[in-house]
Protein backbone atom coordinates (compact mmCIF):
# COMPACT_ATOMS: atom_id res chain seq x y z
CA UNK A 1 -5.06 -18.02 10.36
CA UNK A 2 -3.70 -15.22 12.30
CA UNK A 3 -2.34 -12.87 9.68
CA UNK A 4 1.08 -12.17 11.16
CA UNK A 5 1.37 -16.13 11.69
CA UNK A 6 0.75 -16.22 8.11
CA UNK A 7 3.39 -13.89 7.33
CA UNK A 8 5.93 -14.97 9.84
CA UNK A 9 5.80 -18.80 8.16
CA UNK A 10 6.07 -17.36 4.49
CA UNK A 11 9.10 -15.99 5.71
CA UNK A 12 10.53 -18.84 8.30
CA UNK A 13 9.52 -20.91 5.23
CA UNK A 14 11.82 -18.97 2.25
CA UNK A 15 14.68 -18.60 4.35
CA UNK A 16 14.65 -22.59 5.18
CA UNK A 17 14.74 -22.98 1.24
CA UNK A 18 17.83 -20.67 1.30
CA UNK A 19 19.66 -22.30 3.92
CA UNK A 20 18.79 -25.89 2.59
CA UNK A 21 20.02 -25.27 -1.15
CA UNK A 22 23.12 -23.48 0.92
CA UNK A 23 23.49 -26.50 2.99
CA UNK A 24 23.27 -28.94 -0.14
CA UNK A 25 26.55 -26.62 -2.05
CA UNK A 26 28.87 -26.61 1.34
CA UNK A 27 31.63 -25.14 -0.81
CA UNK A 28 30.13 -21.66 -1.30
CA UNK A 29 29.37 -21.55 2.28
CA UNK A 30 31.66 -18.35 3.71
CA UNK A 31 31.93 -18.03 7.61
CA UNK A 32 33.28 -15.06 9.39
CA UNK A 33 34.26 -15.23 13.02
CA UNK A 34 32.19 -12.88 15.38
CA UNK A 35 33.35 -13.58 18.59
CA UNK A 36 35.40 -16.69 20.37
CA UNK A 37 33.11 -19.70 19.02
CA UNK A 38 30.25 -17.42 17.34
CA UNK A 39 30.38 -17.66 14.00
CA UNK A 40 28.06 -16.25 10.64
CA UNK A 41 28.22 -17.19 7.63
CA UNK A 42 26.78 -15.50 4.24
CA UNK A 43 23.73 -17.87 4.58
CA UNK A 44 22.62 -16.82 8.37
CA UNK A 45 22.78 -13.51 6.26
CA UNK A 46 21.10 -14.12 3.38
CA UNK A 47 18.38 -16.25 5.33
CA UNK A 48 17.61 -12.92 7.31
CA UNK A 49 17.51 -10.29 4.75
CA UNK A 50 14.97 -12.67 2.73
CA UNK A 51 12.78 -13.04 6.13
CA UNK A 52 13.48 -8.76 6.59
CA UNK A 53 12.03 -8.39 2.72
CA UNK A 54 8.60 -10.38 3.21
CA UNK A 55 8.16 -8.96 6.79
CA UNK A 56 8.43 -5.45 5.37
CA UNK A 57 6.24 -6.26 2.54
CA UNK A 58 3.40 -6.60 4.61
CA UNK A 59 4.33 -4.95 8.05
CA UNK A 60 6.59 -1.50 6.80
CA UNK A 61 6.19 0.11 9.79
CA UNK A 62 7.03 -3.02 12.36
CA UNK A 63 10.10 -2.96 14.61
CA UNK A 64 12.67 -5.85 13.76
CA UNK A 65 15.46 -6.98 16.01
CA UNK A 66 17.73 -9.94 14.38
CA UNK A 67 20.90 -11.49 15.70
CA UNK A 68 22.97 -10.59 12.81
CA UNK A 69 21.64 -6.65 12.09
CA UNK A 70 20.39 -5.88 15.17
CA UNK A 71 17.55 -3.40 16.36
CA UNK A 72 15.77 -2.08 12.71
CA UNK A 73 13.12 0.70 14.57
CA UNK A 74 9.97 1.22 12.54
CA UNK A 75 7.35 3.41 13.74
CA UNK A 76 5.56 0.60 15.15
CA UNK A 77 7.49 0.58 18.12
CA UNK A 78 5.41 -1.87 20.09
CA UNK A 79 5.26 -4.47 17.80
CA UNK A 80 8.88 -6.32 17.27
CA UNK A 81 9.71 -9.34 15.00
CA UNK A 82 12.17 -10.88 17.03
CA UNK A 83 14.42 -13.10 14.46
CA UNK A 84 17.02 -15.94 14.34
CA UNK A 85 17.81 -16.49 11.03
CA UNK A 86 19.36 -19.42 11.54
CA UNK A 87 19.54 -21.31 14.71
CA UNK A 88 22.31 -23.39 15.23
CA UNK A 89 24.90 -21.94 12.63
CA UNK A 90 27.75 -23.73 14.19
CA UNK A 91 25.89 -27.46 13.26
CA UNK A 92 25.44 -26.23 9.89
CA UNK A 93 29.14 -25.53 8.84
CA UNK A 94 29.96 -28.70 10.31
CA UNK A 95 27.30 -30.58 8.18
CA UNK A 96 25.30 -31.39 11.46
CA UNK A 97 21.38 -31.46 10.03
CA UNK A 98 20.32 -30.07 13.06
CA UNK A 99 19.31 -26.36 13.13
CA UNK A 100 16.07 -23.96 12.35
CA UNK A 101 13.94 -20.51 11.42
CA UNK A 102 13.26 -18.82 14.84
CA UNK A 103 10.58 -15.79 14.31
CA UNK A 104 8.78 -13.91 17.25
CA UNK A 105 6.41 -11.51 17.15
CA UNK A 106 6.02 -9.31 20.25
CA UNK A 107 3.24 -6.91 21.04
CA UNK A 108 3.78 -4.49 23.88
CA UNK A 109 6.08 -6.89 25.48
CA UNK A 110 4.04 -9.98 25.36
CA UNK A 111 5.20 -12.76 23.00
CA UNK A 112 2.07 -13.31 20.56
CA UNK A 113 3.25 -15.62 17.67
CA UNK A 114 6.38 -17.88 17.26
CA UNK A 115 7.51 -19.98 14.62
CA UNK A 116 10.36 -22.29 14.84
CA UNK A 117 10.93 -24.27 11.35
CA UNK A 118 13.58 -27.41 10.47
CA UNK A 119 13.93 -27.16 6.46
CA UNK A 120 16.08 -30.13 6.83
CA UNK A 121 13.04 -32.70 8.16
CA UNK A 122 10.54 -30.17 7.13
CA UNK A 123 8.60 -29.85 10.71
CA UNK A 124 6.80 -26.61 11.00
CA UNK A 125 6.51 -25.69 14.85
CA UNK A 126 3.94 -22.71 15.48
CA UNK A 127 1.85 -21.41 18.27
CA UNK A 128 -0.61 -18.46 18.67
CA UNK A 129 -0.82 -16.53 22.24
CA UNK A 130 -4.09 -18.31 23.90
CA UNK A 131 -4.47 -20.93 21.06
CA UNK A 132 -2.07 -23.84 21.29
CA UNK A 133 0.95 -24.97 19.45
CA UNK A 134 1.08 -26.95 16.46
CA UNK A 135 3.79 -29.03 14.38
CA UNK A 136 2.78 -29.48 10.63
CA UNK A 137 -0.91 -28.39 11.73
CA UNK A 138 -0.86 -31.39 14.52
CA UNK A 139 -1.54 -30.15 18.13
CA UNK A 140 1.18 -30.56 20.56
CA UNK A 141 0.95 -31.24 24.37
CA UNK A 142 3.84 -31.70 26.06
CA UNK A 143 4.61 -34.68 28.58
CA UNK A 144 2.56 -34.73 31.34
CA UNK A 145 6.01 -36.32 33.08
CA UNK A 146 5.72 -36.32 37.29
CA UNK A 147 9.42 -36.85 37.84
CA UNK A 148 13.07 -36.50 36.97
CA UNK A 149 13.63 -39.82 37.68
CA UNK A 150 14.47 -41.40 33.96
CA UNK A 151 13.43 -38.11 32.12
CA UNK A 152 15.64 -37.22 28.97
CA UNK A 153 16.65 -33.14 29.31
CA UNK A 154 18.06 -31.10 26.45
CA UNK A 155 20.83 -28.62 26.95
CA UNK A 156 22.82 -26.23 26.05
CA UNK A 157 26.56 -25.03 26.88
CA UNK A 158 26.96 -21.46 27.13
CA UNK A 159 29.72 -21.53 24.75
CA UNK A 160 29.81 -17.68 24.57
CA UNK A 161 30.34 -17.33 27.76
CA UNK A 162 32.83 -19.79 28.82
CA UNK A 163 33.21 -18.07 32.64
CA UNK A 164 29.36 -20.10 32.83
CA UNK A 165 31.04 -23.49 31.88
CA UNK A 166 31.75 -24.93 35.43
CA UNK A 167 28.23 -24.24 36.44
CA UNK A 168 27.14 -25.98 33.40
CA UNK A 169 29.25 -29.32 34.68
CA UNK A 170 27.67 -29.01 37.88
CA UNK A 171 24.11 -28.43 37.08
CA UNK A 172 24.48 -31.39 34.79
CA UNK A 173 26.61 -33.24 37.44
CA UNK A 174 23.46 -32.80 39.80
CA UNK A 175 21.18 -33.83 37.69
CA UNK A 176 22.07 -36.89 36.11
CA UNK A 177 21.69 -38.54 39.92
CA UNK A 178 17.97 -38.86 38.99
CA UNK A 179 17.74 -37.98 35.36
CA UNK A 180 18.39 -40.80 32.74
CA UNK A 181 20.32 -38.77 29.54
CA UNK A 182 21.20 -35.03 28.47
CA UNK A 183 20.65 -34.29 24.95
CA UNK A 184 23.08 -31.07 22.98
CA UNK A 185 22.10 -30.58 20.19
CA UNK A 186 22.73 -26.86 19.33
CA UNK A 187 19.73 -25.33 18.84
CA UNK A 188 17.72 -23.24 21.70
CA UNK A 189 14.70 -22.84 19.41
CA UNK A 190 14.41 -26.78 18.40
CA UNK A 191 15.14 -27.56 22.27
CA UNK A 192 12.23 -25.62 23.31
CA UNK A 193 9.70 -26.82 20.22
CA UNK A 194 10.89 -30.22 21.23
CA UNK A 195 9.62 -30.09 25.04
CA UNK A 196 6.54 -29.13 23.19
CA UNK A 197 6.40 -32.02 21.37
CA UNK A 198 7.18 -34.43 24.24
CA UNK A 199 10.09 -35.56 22.30
CA UNK A 200 12.67 -34.43 25.59
CA UNK A 201 10.88 -34.08 28.83
CA UNK A 202 12.54 -31.05 30.10
CA UNK A 203 15.37 -28.41 29.17
CA UNK A 204 17.66 -25.68 30.47
CA UNK A 205 20.51 -23.45 29.33
CA UNK A 206 22.43 -20.42 30.35
CA UNK A 207 24.09 -17.40 27.78
CA UNK A 208 20.45 -17.06 26.08
CA UNK A 209 19.32 -13.94 24.23
CA UNK A 210 15.69 -13.21 22.73
CA UNK A 211 16.14 -14.40 19.12
CA UNK A 212 17.49 -17.86 20.40
CA UNK A 213 14.24 -18.51 23.00
CA UNK A 214 11.27 -16.07 22.07
CA UNK A 215 9.71 -18.56 19.55
CA UNK A 216 10.10 -21.69 21.26
CA UNK A 217 9.26 -20.28 24.26
CA UNK A 218 6.10 -19.50 23.23
CA UNK A 219 5.63 -23.34 21.61
CA UNK A 220 6.32 -24.63 24.48
CA UNK A 221 4.29 -22.94 27.08
CA UNK A 222 1.14 -23.03 24.37
CA UNK A 223 2.08 -26.73 24.36
CA UNK A 224 1.41 -26.43 28.37
CA UNK A 225 5.40 -26.58 29.60
CA UNK A 226 6.17 -24.43 32.61
CA UNK A 227 8.79 -21.64 31.46
CA UNK A 228 11.00 -19.92 33.70
CA UNK A 229 14.62 -18.63 34.57
CA UNK A 230 16.53 -20.27 37.31
CA UNK A 231 15.05 -18.48 40.22
CA UNK A 232 11.34 -19.62 39.08
CA UNK A 233 10.98 -16.17 38.00
CA UNK A 234 9.78 -15.15 34.01
CA UNK A 235 12.64 -13.14 33.34
CA UNK A 236 14.16 -15.38 30.94
CA UNK A 237 14.49 -12.97 28.18
CA UNK A 238 16.14 -10.71 29.92
CA UNK A 239 18.50 -12.92 31.97
CA UNK A 240 19.27 -15.47 29.22
CA UNK A 241 18.67 -18.30 31.45
CA UNK A 242 15.80 -20.46 31.23
CA UNK A 243 14.31 -24.00 32.43
CA UNK A 244 11.45 -25.10 30.45
CA UNK A 245 9.19 -28.74 31.13
CA UNK A 246 6.07 -30.36 32.39
CA UNK A 247 5.49 -28.11 35.44
CA UNK A 248 6.90 -30.81 37.92
CA UNK A 249 9.76 -31.49 36.22
CA UNK A 250 10.71 -27.77 36.13
CA UNK A 251 9.91 -27.69 39.73
CA UNK A 252 12.38 -30.92 40.34
CA UNK A 253 15.56 -29.29 38.31
CA UNK A 254 14.54 -25.92 39.65
CA UNK A 255 15.76 -27.93 43.20
CA UNK A 256 18.29 -29.78 42.01
CA UNK A 257 20.40 -26.66 40.77
CA UNK A 258 20.19 -23.98 43.09
CA UNK A 259 23.21 -25.27 45.16
CA UNK A 260 25.35 -24.85 41.77
CA UNK A 261 24.65 -21.58 41.18
CA UNK A 262 26.76 -18.85 41.63
CA UNK A 263 25.71 -14.85 42.97
CA UNK A 264 24.86 -13.86 39.31
CA UNK A 265 22.43 -15.70 39.12
CA UNK A 266 20.66 -15.20 42.70
CA UNK A 267 18.78 -11.60 41.73
């Protein structure tokens, strides 16, 4: 096994245990508002500390980028661990059992390892660049759907950027003419992993940060999905908007949504 993958899995599982135990003791959850519709809990912070501790023991010189702490630069800046300790905090706060730990390892600007762990379902999604994607050691392959007609698409609302909500609904209105349904479950990392597993046919979202999607991006791509931004380019980690799915589904999504996009997307 790739040694960094092994450490990422260990960190994700241990952080998942912290989250799962806290989920069962809901009275102990402490919630702080970071911004409008953006929350952090003591559990996010505890899970993050657990992950960082495990990484630092094996790779003390690597750079770590996390949602809650930010950038912790190491001597080895070409290797970055990009972490969301609890992707789906709002679900966690409300007792909705759908959230994950997301860990990506990027080397010289390219994602080499991705791990997404759902501690409630005990589902571990993993990928290593060039070696495929797995769910609990079972090889994943994206559903080879050839058209948007009848498809089920996952999405996330840009709740941290309310100015994009009108675009979100315009996109959904355009897509519903062909797709059969939408799923909005609150964890981008799991949405991308579900594309890889064929549980949904495609995915799109705006307002993303690298820690939301870097691990899921690799898992989806290694399962055969096409992942791009709204301009059919590969700047989604920087631009924050993303489409993923079987190649023909992605092509249809991009074609359908172009008329909905404002100037901020046309670069």
